[in-house]
Amino acid sequence: MVYVKGSPQIIYLGIDVSKNKIDLCLLPGNGKKKSKTLKNDDVAERSICDWLYKQKCPPGQVTAVMEATSVYHENVAYGLHENTAVTVCISNPQRVREFARGMGILTKNDAVDAWVLARYGELKQPNAWIPPSPEVRKLKELLRLRDAIQADIVRATNRLEKSESTRTASEIIDSLNRTKKAHEDGLKRIEALISSHFDD
């Protein structure tokens, strides 16, 4: 991103996201860093902006850099993008890890990861994240659910095969068969929803 003379300076914020908390590292451009740990909840973006104002950093000047971490980053990313003036960048975890190794940083914990993300933003200036459309988001969620159900079917099949190769009570076998059948029925419903979603 290029700024002409007189334009506001970009302030980089690294956000390391886990299931229950988010670690922040702010690089305000004065050679210092500021860190904070917040709860990862439904209003995380509000807590982040409140903290930014306390650091005298207007959200409109802030570029937040985070990794795509399973699904845990999504609440923070969408919240910041939709409800604040913060620019959001979602970086590939492998590239960030290579960047950290290139800087000689082998330690890996949440606070260090947040700092690495902030430095990655500062030096690499990744592109702003453009969220997928609601239709694409729904498809991703359906595919994610389909994959989970397929994994459940594999586990149920393995349990059933082990049970049938030993002297397992018939009630247990019946229960495992019912569980497997329920997963298979669920998979058919999800695949029908995916097919319908494509048609729409």
C-alpha atoms as a PDB file:
ATOM      1  CA  MET A   1       0.000   0.000   0.000  1.00  0.00           C
ATOM      2  CA  VAL A   2       1.498   3.363  -1.002  1.00  0.00           C
ATOM      3  CA  TYR A   3       0.803   6.599   0.830  1.00  0.00           C
ATOM      4  CA  VAL A   4       1.564  10.088  -0.365  1.00  0.00           C
ATOM      5  CA  LYS A   5       3.137  12.678   1.888  1.00  0.00           C
ATOM      6  CA  GLY A   6       0.743  13.760   4.590  1.00  0.00           C
ATOM      7  CA  SER A   7      -1.261  10.539   4.528  1.00  0.00           C
ATOM      8  CA  PRO A   8      -1.830   8.826   7.881  1.00  0.00           C
ATOM      9  CA  GLN A   9       0.679   6.161   8.827  1.00  0.00           C
ATOM     10  CA  ILE A  10      -0.484   2.536   8.780  1.00  0.00           C
ATOM     11  CA  ILE A  11      -0.289   0.941  12.213  1.00  0.00           C
ATOM     12  CA  TYR A  12       0.089  -2.845  12.175  1.00  0.00           C
ATOM     13  CA  LEU A  13      -1.681  -5.092  14.635  1.00  0.00           C
ATOM     14  CA  GLY A  14      -0.823  -8.786  14.862  1.00  0.00           C
ATOM     15  CA  ILE A  15      -3.675 -10.952  16.122  1.00  0.00           C
ATOM     16  CA  ASP A  16      -3.010 -14.529  17.188  1.00  0.00           C
ATOM     17  CA  VAL A  17      -6.360 -16.286  17.534  1.00  0.00           C
ATOM     18  CA  SER A  18      -7.139 -19.415  19.520  1.00  0.00           C
ATOM     19  CA  LYS A  19     -10.422 -20.958  20.609  1.00  0.00           C
ATOM     20  CA  ASN A  20     -10.898 -18.925  23.797  1.00  0.00           C
ATOM     21  CA  LYS A  21      -8.562 -15.944  23.534  1.00  0.00           C
ATOM     22  CA  ILE A  22      -6.839 -13.543  21.173  1.00  0.00           C
ATOM     23  CA  ASP A  23      -3.342 -12.153  21.655  1.00  0.00           C
ATOM     24  CA  LEU A  24      -2.677  -8.716  20.233  1.00  0.00           C
ATOM     25  CA  CYS A  25       0.615  -7.056  19.360  1.00  0.00           C
ATOM     26  CA  LEU A  26       0.499  -3.448  18.176  1.00  0.00           C
ATOM     27  CA  LEU A  27       3.430  -1.752  16.425  1.00  0.00           C
ATOM     28  CA  PRO A  28       2.612   1.960  16.642  1.00  0.00           C
ATOM     29  CA  GLY A  29       5.693   2.972  14.639  1.00  0.00           C
ATOM     30  CA  ASN A  30       7.813   4.361  17.456  1.00  0.00           C
ATOM     31  CA  GLY A  31      10.007   1.274  17.777  1.00  0.00           C
ATOM     32  CA  LYS A  32       7.968  -0.033  20.678  1.00  0.00           C
ATOM     33  CA  LYS A  33       5.286  -2.695  20.829  1.00  0.00           C
ATOM     34  CA  LYS A  34       2.142  -2.960  22.904  1.00  0.00           C
ATOM     35  CA  SER A  35       0.541  -6.266  23.801  1.00  0.00           C
ATOM     36  CA  LYS A  36      -2.808  -7.377  25.150  1.00  0.00           C
ATOM     37  CA  THR A  37      -4.764 -10.610  25.627  1.00  0.00           C
ATOM     38  CA  LEU A  38      -8.536 -10.524  25.168  1.00  0.00           C
ATOM     39  CA  LYS A  39     -11.356 -13.030  25.223  1.00  0.00           C
ATOM     40  CA  ASN A  40     -12.364 -14.521  21.866  1.00  0.00           C
ATOM     41  CA  ASP A  41     -16.103 -13.960  21.999  1.00  0.00           C
ATOM     42  CA  ASP A  42     -18.960 -12.524  19.936  1.00  0.00           C
ATOM     43  CA  VAL A  43     -17.872  -8.933  20.595  1.00  0.00           C
ATOM     44  CA  ALA A  44     -14.111  -9.396  20.217  1.00  0.00           C
ATOM     45  CA  GLU A  45     -13.917  -6.665  17.565  1.00  0.00           C
ATOM     46  CA  ARG A  46     -15.429  -4.156  19.998  1.00  0.00           C
ATOM     47  CA  SER A  47     -12.889  -5.091  22.673  1.00  0.00           C
ATOM     48  CA  ILE A  48     -10.072  -4.713  20.124  1.00  0.00           C
ATOM     49  CA  CYS A  49     -11.279  -1.250  19.045  1.00  0.00           C
ATOM     50  CA  ASP A  50     -11.711  -0.128  22.663  1.00  0.00           C
ATOM     51  CA  TRP A  51      -8.106  -1.155  23.326  1.00  0.00           C
ATOM     52  CA  LEU A  52      -6.880   0.576  20.147  1.00  0.00           C
ATOM     53  CA  TYR A  53      -8.508   3.855  21.226  1.00  0.00           C
ATOM     54  CA  LYS A  54      -6.791   3.542  24.607  1.00  0.00           C
ATOM     55  CA  GLN A  55      -3.491   3.256  22.720  1.00  0.00           C
ATOM     56  CA  LYS A  56      -4.433   6.416  20.756  1.00  0.00           C
ATOM     57  CA  CYS A  57      -4.624   4.393  17.525  1.00  0.00           C
ATOM     58  CA  PRO A  58      -7.719   5.192  15.429  1.00  0.00           C
ATOM     59  CA  PRO A  59      -9.063   1.908  13.959  1.00  0.00           C
ATOM     60  CA  GLY A  60      -9.116   3.499  10.496  1.00  0.00           C
ATOM     61  CA  GLN A  61      -5.307   3.651  10.549  1.00  0.00           C
ATOM     62  CA  VAL A  62      -4.891   0.046  11.735  1.00  0.00           C
ATOM     63  CA  THR A  63      -4.201  -2.996   9.562  1.00  0.00           C
ATOM     64  CA  ALA A  64      -4.795  -6.218  11.477  1.00  0.00           C
ATOM     65  CA  VAL A  65      -2.882  -9.291  10.340  1.00  0.00           C
ATOM     66  CA  MET A  66      -3.956 -12.775  11.362  1.00  0.00           C
ATOM     67  CA  GLU A  67      -3.638 -16.344  10.180  1.00  0.00           C
ATOM     68  CA  ALA A  68      -6.387 -18.621   8.963  1.00  0.00           C
ATOM     69  CA  THR A  69      -6.595 -20.901  12.011  1.00  0.00           C
ATOM     70  CA  SER A  70      -9.256 -23.554  11.530  1.00  0.00           C
ATOM     71  CA  VAL A  71     -12.493 -21.624  12.178  1.00  0.00           C
ATOM     72  CA  TYR A  72     -11.433 -19.695  15.270  1.00  0.00           C
ATOM     73  CA  HIS A  73     -10.212 -16.621  13.382  1.00  0.00           C
ATOM     74  CA  GLU A  74     -13.492 -16.147  11.487  1.00  0.00           C
ATOM     75  CA  ASN A  75     -15.470 -14.422  14.252  1.00  0.00           C
ATOM     76  CA  VAL A  76     -12.718 -11.831  14.757  1.00  0.00           C
ATOM     77  CA  ALA A  77     -12.064 -11.343  11.028  1.00  0.00           C
ATOM     78  CA  TYR A  78     -15.708 -10.862  10.056  1.00  0.00           C
ATOM     79  CA  GLY A  79     -16.396  -8.719  13.125  1.00  0.00           C
ATOM     80  CA  LEU A  80     -13.523  -6.335  12.342  1.00  0.00           C
ATOM     81  CA  HIS A  81     -14.351  -6.210   8.628  1.00  0.00           C
ATOM     82  CA  GLU A  82     -18.092  -5.640   9.019  1.00  0.00           C
ATOM     83  CA  ASN A  83     -18.263  -3.485  12.148  1.00  0.00           C
ATOM     84  CA  THR A  84     -15.069  -1.418  12.303  1.00  0.00           C
ATOM     85  CA  ALA A  85     -12.742   0.667  10.137  1.00  0.00           C
ATOM     86  CA  VAL A  86      -9.826  -1.746  10.708  1.00  0.00           C
ATOM     87  CA  THR A  87      -8.321  -3.227   7.535  1.00  0.00           C
ATOM     88  CA  VAL A  88      -8.082  -7.016   7.854  1.00  0.00           C
ATOM     89  CA  CYS A  89      -5.407  -9.220   6.257  1.00  0.00           C
ATOM     90  CA  ILE A  90      -5.560 -12.995   6.535  1.00  0.00           C
ATOM     91  CA  SER A  91      -2.197 -14.576   5.800  1.00  0.00           C
ATOM     92  CA  ASN A  92      -1.176 -18.118   4.931  1.00  0.00           C
ATOM     93  CA  PRO A  93       0.208 -19.757   8.110  1.00  0.00           C
ATOM     94  CA  GLN A  94       3.004 -21.457   6.155  1.00  0.00           C
ATOM     95  CA  ARG A  95       4.253 -18.140   4.743  1.00  0.00           C
ATOM     96  CA  VAL A  96       4.166 -16.537   8.174  1.00  0.00           C
ATOM     97  CA  ARG A  97       6.112 -19.479   9.651  1.00  0.00           C
ATOM     98  CA  GLU A  98       8.734 -19.205   6.875  1.00  0.00           C
ATOM     99  CA  PHE A  99       8.942 -15.469   7.553  1.00  0.00           C
ATOM    100  CA  ALA A 100       9.537 -16.158  11.262  1.00  0.00           C
ATOM    101  CA  ARG A 101      12.255 -18.722  10.494  1.00  0.00           C
ATOM    102  CA  GLY A 102      13.886 -16.229   8.121  1.00  0.00           C
ATOM    103  CA  MET A 103      14.070 -13.783  11.027  1.00  0.00           C
ATOM    104  CA  GLY A 104      15.587 -16.481  13.228  1.00  0.00           C
ATOM    105  CA  ILE A 105      12.502 -16.761  15.436  1.00  0.00           C
ATOM    106  CA  LEU A 106      12.100 -20.388  16.475  1.00  0.00           C
ATOM    107  CA  THR A 107      10.106 -19.800  19.655  1.00  0.00           C
ATOM    108  CA  LYS A 108       6.403 -20.367  19.168  1.00  0.00           C
ATOM    109  CA  ASN A 109       3.817 -19.139  21.640  1.00  0.00           C
ATOM    110  CA  ASP A 110       0.759 -16.894  21.345  1.00  0.00           C
ATOM    111  CA  ALA A 111       2.496 -13.638  22.295  1.00  0.00           C
ATOM    112  CA  VAL A 112       5.437 -14.279  19.950  1.00  0.00           C
ATOM    113  CA  ASP A 113       3.072 -15.316  17.147  1.00  0.00           C
ATOM    114  CA  ALA A 114       1.132 -12.044  17.504  1.00  0.00           C
ATOM    115  CA  TRP A 115       4.389 -10.065  17.270  1.00  0.00           C
ATOM    116  CA  VAL A 116       5.504 -12.093  14.207  1.00  0.00           C
ATOM    117  CA  LEU A 117       2.163 -11.359  12.510  1.00  0.00           C
ATOM    118  CA  ALA A 118       2.519  -7.635  13.197  1.00  0.00           C
ATOM    119  CA  ARG A 119       6.081  -7.639  11.805  1.00  0.00           C
ATOM    120  CA  TYR A 120       4.947  -9.695   8.811  1.00  0.00           C
ATOM    121  CA  GLY A 121       2.342  -7.035   8.074  1.00  0.00           C
ATOM    122  CA  GLU A 122       4.819  -4.209   8.537  1.00  0.00           C
ATOM    123  CA  LEU A 123       7.453  -5.715   6.226  1.00  0.00           C
ATOM    124  CA  LYS A 124       5.378  -7.670   3.698  1.00  0.00           C
ATOM    125  CA  GLN A 125       2.292  -5.418   3.564  1.00  0.00           C
ATOM    126  CA  PRO A 126      -0.140  -8.208   2.575  1.00  0.00           C
ATOM    127  CA  ASN A 127      -3.286  -7.435   0.613  1.00  0.00           C
ATOM    128  CA  ALA A 128      -6.501  -6.603   2.417  1.00  0.00           C
ATOM    129  CA  TRP A 129      -8.835  -9.531   2.930  1.00  0.00           C
ATOM    130  CA  ILE A 130     -12.022  -9.612   0.881  1.00  0.00           C
ATOM    131  CA  PRO A 131     -14.600 -11.862   2.600  1.00  0.00           C
ATOM    132  CA  PRO A 132     -16.319 -14.501   0.486  1.00  0.00           C
ATOM    133  CA  SER A 133     -19.963 -13.951  -0.426  1.00  0.00           C
ATOM    134  CA  PRO A 134     -22.689 -15.411   1.844  1.00  0.00           C
ATOM    135  CA  GLU A 135     -23.296 -18.117  -0.784  1.00  0.00           C
ATOM    136  CA  VAL A 136     -19.651 -19.189  -0.741  1.00  0.00           C
ATOM    137  CA  ARG A 137     -19.596 -19.098   3.069  1.00  0.00           C
ATOM    138  CA  LYS A 138     -22.644 -21.351   3.212  1.00  0.00           C
ATOM    139  CA  LEU A 139     -21.082 -23.787   0.748  1.00  0.00           C
ATOM    140  CA  LYS A 140     -17.871 -23.910   2.800  1.00  0.00           C
ATOM    141  CA  GLU A 141     -19.889 -24.651   5.951  1.00  0.00           C
ATOM    142  CA  LEU A 142     -21.837 -27.411   4.189  1.00  0.00           C
ATOM    143  CA  LEU A 143     -18.618 -28.963   2.873  1.00  0.00           C
ATOM    144  CA  ARG A 144     -17.036 -28.734   6.322  1.00  0.00           C
ATOM    145  CA  LEU A 145     -20.054 -30.500   7.841  1.00  0.00           C
ATOM    146  CA  ARG A 146     -19.987 -33.144   5.101  1.00  0.00           C
ATOM    147  CA  ASP A 147     -16.314 -33.848   5.820  1.00  0.00           C
ATOM    148  CA  ALA A 148     -17.026 -34.172   9.550  1.00  0.00           C
ATOM    149  CA  ILE A 149     -19.884 -36.619   8.945  1.00  0.00           C
ATOM    150  CA  GLN A 150     -17.718 -38.661   6.572  1.00  0.00           C
ATOM    151  CA  ALA A 151     -15.097 -38.903   9.330  1.00  0.00           C
ATOM    152  CA  ASP A 152     -17.838 -40.022  11.758  1.00  0.00           C
ATOM    153  CA  ILE A 153     -18.869 -42.768   9.316  1.00  0.00           C
ATOM    154  CA  VAL A 154     -15.272 -44.001   9.060  1.00  0.00           C
ATOM    155  CA  ARG A 155     -14.972 -44.106  12.859  1.00  0.00           C
ATOM    156  CA  ALA A 156     -18.326 -45.882  13.225  1.00  0.00           C
ATOM    157  CA  THR A 157     -17.339 -48.430  10.551  1.00  0.00           C
ATOM    158  CA  ASN A 158     -14.011 -49.119  12.285  1.00  0.00           C
ATOM    159  CA  ARG A 159     -15.733 -49.606  15.663  1.00  0.00           C
ATOM    160  CA  LEU A 160     -18.253 -51.943  14.098  1.00  0.00           C
ATOM    161  CA  GLU A 161     -15.568 -54.017  12.378  1.00  0.00           C
ATOM    162  CA  LYS A 162     -13.610 -54.364  15.635  1.00  0.00           C
ATOM    163  CA  SER A 163     -16.752 -55.287  17.567  1.00  0.00           C
ATOM    164  CA  GLU A 164     -17.770 -57.896  15.023  1.00  0.00           C
ATOM    165  CA  SER A 165     -14.329 -59.527  15.175  1.00  0.00           C
ATOM    166  CA  THR A 166     -14.641 -60.117  18.939  1.00  0.00           C
ATOM    167  CA  ARG A 167     -17.326 -61.504  21.248  1.00  0.00           C
ATOM    168  CA  THR A 168     -19.263 -58.259  21.554  1.00  0.00           C
ATOM    169  CA  ALA A 169     -22.798 -58.217  22.955  1.00  0.00           C
ATOM    170  CA  SER A 170     -25.496 -58.024  20.278  1.00  0.00           C
ATOM    171  CA  GLU A 171     -26.908 -54.856  21.883  1.00  0.00           C
ATOM    172  CA  ILE A 172     -23.575 -53.089  21.285  1.00  0.00           C
ATOM    173  CA  ILE A 173     -23.493 -54.258  17.669  1.00  0.00           C
ATOM    174  CA  ASP A 174     -27.068 -53.015  17.164  1.00  0.00           C
ATOM    175  CA  SER A 175     -26.200 -49.637  18.688  1.00  0.00           C
ATOM    176  CA  LEU A 176     -23.137 -49.252  16.466  1.00  0.00           C
ATOM    177  CA  ASN A 177     -25.193 -50.182  13.386  1.00  0.00           C
ATOM    178  CA  ARG A 178     -27.816 -47.571  14.298  1.00  0.00           C
ATOM    179  CA  THR A 179     -25.107 -44.931  14.826  1.00  0.00           C
ATOM    180  CA  LYS A 180     -23.520 -45.705  11.476  1.00  0.00           C
ATOM    181  CA  LYS A 181     -26.913 -45.641   9.721  1.00  0.00           C
ATOM    182  CA  ALA A 182     -27.742 -42.263  11.318  1.00  0.00           C
ATOM    183  CA  HIS A 183     -24.453 -40.821  10.062  1.00  0.00           C
ATOM    184  CA  GLU A 184     -25.068 -42.222   6.572  1.00  0.00           C
ATOM    185  CA  ASP A 185     -28.579 -40.721   6.512  1.00  0.00           C
ATOM    186  CA  GLY A 186     -27.142 -37.400   7.674  1.00  0.00           C
ATOM    187  CA  LEU A 187     -24.561 -37.509   4.904  1.00  0.00           C
ATOM    188  CA  LYS A 188     -27.287 -38.031   2.289  1.00  0.00           C
ATOM    189  CA  ARG A 189     -29.183 -34.995   3.619  1.00  0.00           C
ATOM    190  CA  ILE A 190     -26.063 -32.801   3.549  1.00  0.00           C
ATOM    191  CA  GLU A 191     -25.148 -33.919   0.029  1.00  0.00           C
ATOM    192  CA  ALA A 192     -28.692 -33.090  -1.092  1.00  0.00           C
ATOM    193  CA  LEU A 193     -28.332 -29.612   0.466  1.00  0.00           C
ATOM    194  CA  ILE A 194     -24.978 -29.115  -1.295  1.00  0.00           C
ATOM    195  CA  SER A 195     -26.500 -30.147  -4.624  1.00  0.00           C
ATOM    196  CA  SER A 196     -29.457 -27.815  -4.083  1.00  0.00           C
ATOM    197  CA  HIS A 197     -27.116 -24.966  -3.137  1.00  0.00           C
ATOM    198  CA  PHE A 198     -25.205 -25.414  -6.421  1.00  0.00           C
ATOM    199  CA  ASP A 199     -28.480 -25.408  -8.357  1.00  0.00           C
ATOM    200  CA  ASP A 200     -29.553 -22.167  -6.660  1.00  0.00           C
END
